[in-house]
Amino acid sequence: MNIKQAVTQKEKKELDRLLWDVLWKPLNLPRNIRSSFKLDTPEIDLIVTDEGVIVGALVANWLAEKEIEIRHLAVKTDYQENSVGSLLIEELFRLVREKAPLQIQAYARNTSMGFFTKLGFKLRGPRINQPNFMKQGMWLQEMYTEFAVNDPRFLSE
């Protein structure tokens, strides 16, 4: 498997398709739902490929000089439990390490809170009950972690 930033229009389109297939299609949300989530801040788009096929994706936005939000994280079902999500988070940390210390936050679905907790994220605030998610038995939870240059979680190059 390879990990890299999505830079071409083709990669970004495939990233968008993966997000749709994994995150929003199962909730019967509109195909263009991602456009309503877009922020007007610098974005980091990461992809993991296996034999040229995108199997994982992460979209993060800079909210401030020392603050990043992981907006979307998706892994194809067949690749879940194979460290693809961890690879994406690790690559994000590697890319932004020079700007540390940072606070990185995510609004995790209740189904992914354990994943973020294993990576050192902590709960912040009450759970968020969004109607489209509640129909599926899901809710969102704000989570965050502090990240320093010498953070032992992700020091690999």
N, C-alpha and C. Protein backbone atom coordinates (compact mmCIF):
# COMPACT_ATOMS: atom_id res chain seq x y z
N MET A 1 0.84 -1.19 0.00
CA MET A 1 0.00 0.00 0.00
C MET A 1 0.89 1.24 0.00
N ASN A 2 0.40 2.27 -0.67
CA ASN A 2 1.12 3.54 -0.75
C ASN A 2 0.24 4.65 -0.20
N ILE A 3 0.88 5.63 0.42
CA ILE A 3 0.15 6.78 0.93
C ILE A 3 0.76 8.05 0.35
N LYS A 4 -0.11 8.99 0.00
CA LYS A 4 0.38 10.24 -0.58
C LYS A 4 -0.71 11.28 -0.52
N GLN A 5 -0.34 12.52 -0.84
CA GLN A 5 -1.32 13.58 -0.96
C GLN A 5 -2.03 13.44 -2.31
N ALA A 6 -3.33 13.65 -2.30
CA ALA A 6 -4.09 13.66 -3.54
C ALA A 6 -3.90 15.04 -4.17
N VAL A 7 -3.32 15.07 -5.35
CA VAL A 7 -3.04 16.36 -5.98
C VAL A 7 -3.70 16.51 -7.35
N THR A 8 -3.84 15.43 -8.10
CA THR A 8 -4.45 15.54 -9.42
C THR A 8 -5.97 15.58 -9.30
N GLN A 9 -6.61 16.09 -10.34
CA GLN A 9 -8.08 16.11 -10.37
C GLN A 9 -8.64 14.70 -10.31
N LYS A 10 -7.97 13.76 -10.97
CA LYS A 10 -8.42 12.36 -10.95
C LYS A 10 -8.37 11.80 -9.53
N GLU A 11 -7.26 12.04 -8.83
CA GLU A 11 -7.14 11.55 -7.44
C GLU A 11 -8.20 12.18 -6.55
N LYS A 12 -8.42 13.48 -6.71
CA LYS A 12 -9.41 14.16 -5.88
C LYS A 12 -10.83 13.67 -6.17
N LYS A 13 -11.10 13.36 -7.43
CA LYS A 13 -12.41 12.82 -7.80
C LYS A 13 -12.60 11.43 -7.20
N GLU A 14 -11.55 10.60 -7.26
CA GLU A 14 -11.62 9.26 -6.68
C GLU A 14 -11.72 9.32 -5.16
N LEU A 15 -11.02 10.27 -4.53
CA LEU A 15 -11.13 10.48 -3.09
C LEU A 15 -12.58 10.82 -2.74
N ASP A 16 -13.17 11.74 -3.49
CA ASP A 16 -14.55 12.14 -3.27
C ASP A 16 -15.50 10.95 -3.41
N ARG A 17 -15.24 10.10 -4.39
CA ARG A 17 -16.10 8.92 -4.61
C ARG A 17 -15.99 7.95 -3.42
N LEU A 18 -14.78 7.76 -2.92
CA LEU A 18 -14.61 6.87 -1.77
C LEU A 18 -15.35 7.43 -0.55
N LEU A 19 -15.22 8.73 -0.31
CA LEU A 19 -15.94 9.34 0.82
C LEU A 19 -17.44 9.11 0.67
N TRP A 20 -17.95 9.32 -0.53
CA TRP A 20 -19.38 9.12 -0.79
C TRP A 20 -19.78 7.66 -0.52
N ASP A 21 -19.04 6.72 -1.10
CA ASP A 21 -19.39 5.31 -0.97
C ASP A 21 -19.36 4.83 0.48
N VAL A 22 -18.36 5.29 1.24
CA VAL A 22 -18.18 4.77 2.61
C VAL A 22 -18.97 5.57 3.65
N LEU A 23 -18.98 6.90 3.52
CA LEU A 23 -19.54 7.73 4.58
C LEU A 23 -20.99 8.13 4.39
N TRP A 24 -21.38 8.50 3.19
CA TRP A 24 -22.68 9.16 3.02
C TRP A 24 -23.71 8.37 2.26
N LYS A 25 -23.32 7.59 1.29
CA LYS A 25 -24.28 6.78 0.55
C LYS A 25 -25.06 5.85 1.48
N PRO A 26 -24.39 5.17 2.45
CA PRO A 26 -25.14 4.29 3.35
C PRO A 26 -26.19 5.04 4.19
N LEU A 27 -26.05 6.36 4.32
CA LEU A 27 -27.00 7.16 5.10
C LEU A 27 -28.08 7.79 4.20
N ASN A 28 -28.05 7.42 2.90
CA ASN A 28 -28.99 7.98 1.93
C ASN A 28 -28.92 9.50 1.85
N LEU A 29 -27.71 10.03 1.99
CA LEU A 29 -27.52 11.48 1.85
C LEU A 29 -27.30 11.80 0.38
N PRO A 30 -27.56 13.04 -0.03
CA PRO A 30 -27.40 13.41 -1.43
C PRO A 30 -25.96 13.23 -1.91
N ARG A 31 -25.80 12.91 -3.19
CA ARG A 31 -24.46 12.67 -3.75
C ARG A 31 -23.54 13.87 -3.59
N ASN A 32 -24.06 15.08 -3.61
CA ASN A 32 -23.23 16.28 -3.51
C ASN A 32 -23.11 16.79 -2.07
N ILE A 33 -23.36 15.95 -1.10
CA ILE A 33 -23.38 16.37 0.32
C ILE A 33 -22.03 16.95 0.75
N ARG A 34 -20.93 16.44 0.20
CA ARG A 34 -19.61 16.92 0.63
C ARG A 34 -19.46 18.42 0.40
N SER A 35 -20.05 18.94 -0.65
CA SER A 35 -19.92 20.38 -0.93
C SER A 35 -20.49 21.22 0.22
N SER A 36 -21.48 20.71 0.92
CA SER A 36 -22.05 21.47 2.04
C SER A 36 -21.13 21.43 3.27
N PHE A 37 -20.16 20.52 3.29
CA PHE A 37 -19.23 20.40 4.41
C PHE A 37 -17.93 21.17 4.17
N LYS A 38 -17.72 21.67 2.96
CA LYS A 38 -16.45 22.33 2.60
C LYS A 38 -16.20 23.57 3.44
N LEU A 39 -14.95 23.75 3.80
CA LEU A 39 -14.50 24.96 4.48
C LEU A 39 -13.64 25.76 3.51
N ASP A 40 -13.60 27.04 3.73
CA ASP A 40 -12.78 27.91 2.88
C ASP A 40 -11.44 28.16 3.56
N THR A 41 -10.76 27.07 3.90
CA THR A 41 -9.44 27.14 4.53
C THR A 41 -8.55 26.11 3.85
N PRO A 42 -7.23 26.23 4.01
CA PRO A 42 -6.33 25.26 3.36
C PRO A 42 -6.67 23.83 3.76
N GLU A 43 -6.61 22.94 2.76
CA GLU A 43 -7.03 21.55 2.93
C GLU A 43 -5.87 20.62 2.67
N ILE A 44 -5.84 19.53 3.41
CA ILE A 44 -4.88 18.45 3.19
C ILE A 44 -5.69 17.22 2.80
N ASP A 45 -5.45 16.70 1.59
CA ASP A 45 -6.14 15.52 1.09
C ASP A 45 -5.12 14.39 0.99
N LEU A 46 -5.36 13.31 1.73
CA LEU A 46 -4.46 12.16 1.71
C LEU A 46 -5.20 10.93 1.20
N ILE A 47 -4.48 10.09 0.48
CA ILE A 47 -5.05 8.84 -0.01
C ILE A 47 -4.09 7.69 0.24
N VAL A 48 -4.66 6.52 0.44
CA VAL A 48 -3.91 5.27 0.48
C VAL A 48 -4.38 4.46 -0.72
N THR A 49 -3.41 3.97 -1.50
CA THR A 49 -3.75 3.15 -2.66
C THR A 49 -3.18 1.75 -2.51
N ASP A 50 -3.87 0.81 -3.09
CA ASP A 50 -3.41 -0.57 -3.17
C ASP A 50 -3.57 -0.99 -4.63
N GLU A 51 -2.46 -1.26 -5.27
CA GLU A 51 -2.45 -1.61 -6.70
C GLU A 51 -3.20 -0.57 -7.53
N GLY A 52 -2.96 0.70 -7.20
CA GLY A 52 -3.52 1.80 -7.97
C GLY A 52 -4.95 2.19 -7.63
N VAL A 53 -5.58 1.48 -6.71
CA VAL A 53 -6.96 1.77 -6.32
C VAL A 53 -6.96 2.45 -4.95
N ILE A 54 -7.70 3.55 -4.84
CA ILE A 54 -7.79 4.26 -3.56
C ILE A 54 -8.64 3.43 -2.59
N VAL A 55 -8.04 3.10 -1.44
CA VAL A 55 -8.73 2.27 -0.44
C VAL A 55 -8.95 3.02 0.87
N GLY A 56 -8.34 4.20 1.00
CA GLY A 56 -8.51 5.02 2.19
C GLY A 56 -8.26 6.47 1.87
N ALA A 57 -8.94 7.36 2.60
CA ALA A 57 -8.80 8.79 2.35
C ALA A 57 -9.02 9.58 3.63
N LEU A 58 -8.32 10.69 3.71
CA LEU A 58 -8.45 11.61 4.83
C LEU A 58 -8.47 13.03 4.27
N VAL A 59 -9.39 13.84 4.76
CA VAL A 59 -9.44 15.25 4.41
C VAL A 59 -9.36 16.03 5.72
N ALA A 60 -8.40 16.94 5.80
CA ALA A 60 -8.24 17.78 6.98
C ALA A 60 -8.13 19.23 6.54
N ASN A 61 -8.58 20.12 7.39
CA ASN A 61 -8.50 21.56 7.11
C ASN A 61 -7.78 22.27 8.25
N TRP A 62 -6.98 23.26 7.87
CA TRP A 62 -6.40 24.16 8.85
C TRP A 62 -7.52 25.11 9.30
N LEU A 63 -7.76 25.18 10.60
CA LEU A 63 -8.76 26.10 11.14
C LEU A 63 -8.10 27.38 11.63
N ALA A 64 -6.86 27.25 12.07
CA ALA A 64 -6.06 28.38 12.56
C ALA A 64 -4.60 27.96 12.43
N GLU A 65 -3.71 28.86 12.80
CA GLU A 65 -2.28 28.57 12.64
C GLU A 65 -1.84 27.30 13.36
N LYS A 66 -2.46 27.00 14.50
CA LYS A 66 -2.06 25.85 15.32
C LYS A 66 -3.22 24.87 15.53
N GLU A 67 -4.18 24.87 14.62
CA GLU A 67 -5.35 24.01 14.79
C GLU A 67 -5.79 23.41 13.46
N ILE A 68 -5.97 22.10 13.48
CA ILE A 68 -6.39 21.33 12.31
C ILE A 68 -7.63 20.53 12.68
N GLU A 69 -8.54 20.41 11.73
CA GLU A 69 -9.69 19.53 11.93
C GLU A 69 -9.66 18.44 10.87
N ILE A 70 -9.75 17.20 11.33
CA ILE A 70 -9.93 16.08 10.41
C ILE A 70 -11.40 16.10 10.04
N ARG A 71 -11.68 16.43 8.80
CA ARG A 71 -13.06 16.58 8.33
C ARG A 71 -13.68 15.25 7.93
N HIS A 72 -12.89 14.41 7.25
CA HIS A 72 -13.41 13.14 6.75
C HIS A 72 -12.29 12.10 6.78
N LEU A 73 -12.65 10.90 7.18
CA LEU A 73 -11.73 9.77 7.17
C LEU A 73 -12.55 8.55 6.77
N ALA A 74 -12.15 7.92 5.68
CA ALA A 74 -12.90 6.77 5.18
C ALA A 74 -11.95 5.69 4.68
N VAL A 75 -12.31 4.45 4.95
CA VAL A 75 -11.54 3.29 4.50
C VAL A 75 -12.52 2.29 3.91
N LYS A 76 -12.19 1.77 2.71
CA LYS A 76 -13.05 0.75 2.10
C LYS A 76 -13.25 -0.40 3.09
N THR A 77 -14.44 -0.94 3.09
CA THR A 77 -14.80 -2.00 4.03
C THR A 77 -13.79 -3.14 4.04
N ASP A 78 -13.36 -3.59 2.88
CA ASP A 78 -12.42 -4.72 2.80
C ASP A 78 -11.06 -4.41 3.40
N TYR A 79 -10.76 -3.14 3.63
CA TYR A 79 -9.45 -2.73 4.15
C TYR A 79 -9.51 -2.25 5.59
N GLN A 80 -10.70 -2.23 6.17
CA GLN A 80 -10.81 -1.81 7.56
C GLN A 80 -10.16 -2.87 8.44
N GLU A 81 -9.66 -2.45 9.57
CA GLU A 81 -8.92 -3.31 10.50
C GLU A 81 -7.56 -3.74 9.94
N ASN A 82 -7.05 -2.99 8.95
CA ASN A 82 -5.73 -3.27 8.38
C ASN A 82 -4.79 -2.08 8.51
N SER A 83 -5.05 -1.20 9.46
CA SER A 83 -4.19 -0.05 9.78
C SER A 83 -4.21 1.05 8.73
N VAL A 84 -5.13 1.02 7.78
CA VAL A 84 -5.19 2.07 6.77
C VAL A 84 -5.53 3.41 7.41
N GLY A 85 -6.51 3.43 8.30
CA GLY A 85 -6.87 4.68 8.99
C GLY A 85 -5.70 5.22 9.80
N SER A 86 -5.00 4.34 10.49
CA SER A 86 -3.84 4.76 11.28
C SER A 86 -2.74 5.32 10.38
N LEU A 87 -2.53 4.71 9.22
CA LEU A 87 -1.54 5.22 8.27
C LEU A 87 -1.89 6.64 7.84
N LEU A 88 -3.16 6.90 7.60
CA LEU A 88 -3.59 8.24 7.19
C LEU A 88 -3.35 9.26 8.29
N ILE A 89 -3.69 8.92 9.52
CA ILE A 89 -3.47 9.84 10.64
C ILE A 89 -1.97 10.06 10.84
N GLU A 90 -1.19 9.00 10.77
CA GLU A 90 0.26 9.10 10.93
C GLU A 90 0.86 10.02 9.87
N GLU A 91 0.39 9.89 8.63
CA GLU A 91 0.91 10.74 7.55
C GLU A 91 0.51 12.19 7.78
N LEU A 92 -0.71 12.43 8.25
CA LEU A 92 -1.12 13.80 8.57
C LEU A 92 -0.18 14.38 9.63
N PHE A 93 0.08 13.64 10.69
CA PHE A 93 0.98 14.11 11.74
C PHE A 93 2.36 14.39 11.18
N ARG A 94 2.86 13.52 10.30
CA ARG A 94 4.18 13.71 9.72
C ARG A 94 4.23 15.00 8.90
N LEU A 95 3.18 15.24 8.12
CA LEU A 95 3.14 16.43 7.26
C LEU A 95 3.10 17.73 8.03
N VAL A 96 2.45 17.73 9.18
CA VAL A 96 2.26 18.99 9.93
C VAL A 96 3.21 19.12 11.12
N ARG A 97 4.09 18.15 11.31
CA ARG A 97 4.97 18.13 12.48
C ARG A 97 5.76 19.44 12.66
N GLU A 98 6.22 20.02 11.57
CA GLU A 98 7.04 21.23 11.66
C GLU A 98 6.27 22.42 12.25
N LYS A 99 4.96 22.36 12.23
CA LYS A 99 4.15 23.46 12.77
C LYS A 99 3.72 23.20 14.22
N ALA A 100 4.12 22.06 14.78
CA ALA A 100 3.75 21.71 16.15
C ALA A 100 4.36 22.71 17.13
N PRO A 101 3.76 22.90 18.29
CA PRO A 101 2.63 22.14 18.82
C PRO A 101 1.31 22.55 18.16
N LEU A 102 0.45 21.56 18.00
CA LEU A 102 -0.83 21.75 17.35
C LEU A 102 -1.94 21.08 18.15
N GLN A 103 -3.14 21.53 17.89
CA GLN A 103 -4.31 20.80 18.36
C GLN A 103 -5.01 20.26 17.11
N ILE A 104 -5.28 18.97 17.13
CA ILE A 104 -5.97 18.33 16.01
C ILE A 104 -7.29 17.80 16.54
N GLN A 105 -8.37 18.17 15.85
CA GLN A 105 -9.69 17.75 16.31
C GLN A 105 -10.41 16.99 15.21
N ALA A 106 -11.41 16.25 15.64
CA ALA A 106 -12.26 15.51 14.71
C ALA A 106 -13.65 15.41 15.32
N TYR A 107 -14.65 15.35 14.48
CA TYR A 107 -16.00 15.04 14.92
C TYR A 107 -16.23 13.59 14.52
N ALA A 108 -16.02 12.70 15.47
CA ALA A 108 -16.05 11.26 15.19
C ALA A 108 -17.46 10.71 15.32
N ARG A 109 -17.80 9.83 14.40
CA ARG A 109 -19.03 9.06 14.58
C ARG A 109 -18.83 8.15 15.79
N ASN A 110 -19.92 7.81 16.46
CA ASN A 110 -19.80 6.91 17.60
C ASN A 110 -19.15 5.58 17.18
N THR A 111 -19.29 5.21 15.92
CA THR A 111 -18.69 3.97 15.42
C THR A 111 -17.18 4.06 15.24
N SER A 112 -16.62 5.27 15.28
CA SER A 112 -15.17 5.42 15.12
C SER A 112 -14.48 6.04 16.33
N MET A 113 -15.22 6.24 17.42
CA MET A 113 -14.63 6.84 18.61
C MET A 113 -13.50 5.97 19.18
N GLY A 114 -13.66 4.66 19.16
CA GLY A 114 -12.61 3.76 19.66
C GLY A 114 -11.32 3.90 18.87
N PHE A 115 -11.44 4.05 17.56
CA PHE A 115 -10.27 4.25 16.70
C PHE A 115 -9.51 5.50 17.12
N PHE A 116 -10.22 6.61 17.26
CA PHE A 116 -9.57 7.87 17.63
C PHE A 116 -9.00 7.80 19.05
N THR A 117 -9.70 7.14 19.95
CA THR A 117 -9.22 7.00 21.33
C THR A 117 -7.89 6.24 21.35
N LYS A 118 -7.77 5.18 20.54
CA LYS A 118 -6.51 4.41 20.48
C LYS A 118 -5.35 5.28 20.02
N LEU A 119 -5.65 6.32 19.25
CA LEU A 119 -4.61 7.21 18.74
C LEU A 119 -4.35 8.40 19.66
N GLY A 120 -4.96 8.39 20.85
CA GLY A 120 -4.69 9.42 21.83
C GLY A 120 -5.65 10.59 21.83
N PHE A 121 -6.73 10.52 21.05
CA PHE A 121 -7.73 11.58 21.06
C PHE A 121 -8.60 11.46 22.30
N LYS A 122 -9.05 12.61 22.78
CA LYS A 122 -9.90 12.68 23.97
C LYS A 122 -11.24 13.31 23.60
N LEU A 123 -12.26 12.96 24.38
CA LEU A 123 -13.59 13.53 24.18
C LEU A 123 -13.62 14.99 24.59
N ARG A 124 -14.42 15.78 23.86
CA ARG A 124 -14.62 17.18 24.23
C ARG A 124 -16.09 17.52 23.93
N GLY A 125 -16.77 18.03 24.92
CA GLY A 125 -18.15 18.47 24.74
C GLY A 125 -19.13 17.32 24.70
N PRO A 126 -20.42 17.68 24.61
CA PRO A 126 -21.48 16.66 24.57
C PRO A 126 -21.58 16.01 23.20
N ARG A 127 -22.24 14.89 23.15
CA ARG A 127 -22.45 14.24 21.86
C ARG A 127 -23.38 15.10 21.02
N ILE A 128 -23.22 14.97 19.70
CA ILE A 128 -23.98 15.79 18.76
C ILE A 128 -24.96 14.87 18.04
N ASN A 129 -26.23 15.16 18.20
CA ASN A 129 -27.28 14.35 17.57
C ASN A 129 -27.72 15.02 16.28
N GLN A 130 -27.24 14.50 15.17
CA GLN A 130 -27.59 15.03 13.86
C GLN A 130 -28.67 14.11 13.28
N PRO A 131 -29.81 14.65 12.83
CA PRO A 131 -30.95 13.81 12.43
C PRO A 131 -30.62 12.71 11.41
N ASN A 132 -29.84 13.01 10.36
CA ASN A 132 -29.53 11.98 9.37
C ASN A 132 -28.72 10.83 9.97
N PHE A 133 -27.90 11.13 10.95
CA PHE A 133 -27.10 10.10 11.60
C PHE A 133 -27.94 9.32 12.60
N MET A 134 -28.80 10.04 13.32
CA MET A 134 -29.63 9.40 14.35
C MET A 134 -30.53 8.32 13.74
N LYS A 135 -30.99 8.55 12.51
CA LYS A 135 -31.82 7.55 11.83
C LYS A 135 -31.09 6.22 11.69
N GLN A 136 -29.78 6.28 11.66
CA GLN A 136 -28.94 5.09 11.50
C GLN A 136 -28.34 4.62 12.83
N GLY A 137 -28.79 5.23 13.93
CA GLY A 137 -28.27 4.86 15.24
C GLY A 137 -26.89 5.44 15.52
N MET A 138 -26.54 6.52 14.82
CA MET A 138 -25.22 7.13 15.00
C MET A 138 -25.36 8.55 15.53
N TRP A 139 -24.27 9.00 16.15
CA TRP A 139 -24.15 10.39 16.56
C TRP A 139 -22.70 10.80 16.38
N LEU A 140 -22.42 12.07 16.58
CA LEU A 140 -21.06 12.59 16.45
C LEU A 140 -20.55 13.01 17.81
N GLN A 141 -19.24 12.94 17.97
CA GLN A 141 -18.59 13.35 19.21
C GLN A 141 -17.33 14.12 18.87
N GLU A 142 -17.22 15.34 19.37
CA GLU A 142 -15.98 16.08 19.15
C GLU A 142 -14.87 15.43 19.96
N MET A 143 -13.73 15.24 19.31
CA MET A 143 -12.56 14.66 19.95
C MET A 143 -11.35 15.50 19.53
N TYR A 144 -10.31 15.47 20.35
CA TYR A 144 -9.12 16.26 20.03
C TYR A 144 -7.88 15.59 20.62
N THR A 145 -6.74 16.01 20.10
CA THR A 145 -5.46 15.62 20.67
C THR A 145 -4.50 16.78 20.52
N GLU A 146 -3.58 16.86 21.45
CA GLU A 146 -2.49 17.83 21.35
C GLU A 146 -1.33 17.09 20.69
N PHE A 147 -0.65 17.77 19.79
CA PHE A 147 0.44 17.14 19.05
C PHE A 147 1.68 18.01 19.15
N ALA A 148 2.77 17.44 19.66
CA ALA A 148 4.04 18.15 19.80
C ALA A 148 5.06 17.58 18.83
N VAL A 149 6.10 18.34 18.56
CA VAL A 149 7.15 17.92 17.61
C VAL A 149 7.71 16.55 17.99
N ASN A 150 7.94 16.33 19.28
CA ASN A 150 8.55 15.07 19.73
C ASN A 150 7.51 14.07 20.20
N ASP A 151 6.29 14.16 19.72
CA ASP A 151 5.21 13.25 20.10
C ASP A 151 5.64 11.81 19.79
N PRO A 152 5.69 10.95 20.78
CA PRO A 152 6.17 9.58 20.55
C PRO A 152 5.22 8.72 19.73
N ARG A 153 3.96 9.17 19.53
CA ARG A 153 3.01 8.34 18.77
C ARG A 153 3.40 8.24 17.30
N PHE A 154 3.93 9.33 16.75
CA PHE A 154 4.17 9.35 15.31
C PHE A 154 5.51 10.00 14.99
N LEU A 155 6.58 9.35 15.37
CA LEU A 155 7.90 9.92 15.10
C LEU A 155 8.56 9.30 13.87
N SER A 156 7.91 8.31 13.26
CA SER A 156 8.54 7.66 12.09
C SER A 156 8.59 8.63 10.92
N GLU A 157 9.55 8.42 10.07
CA GLU A 157 9.72 9.27 8.87
C GLU A 157 8.97 8.70 7.71
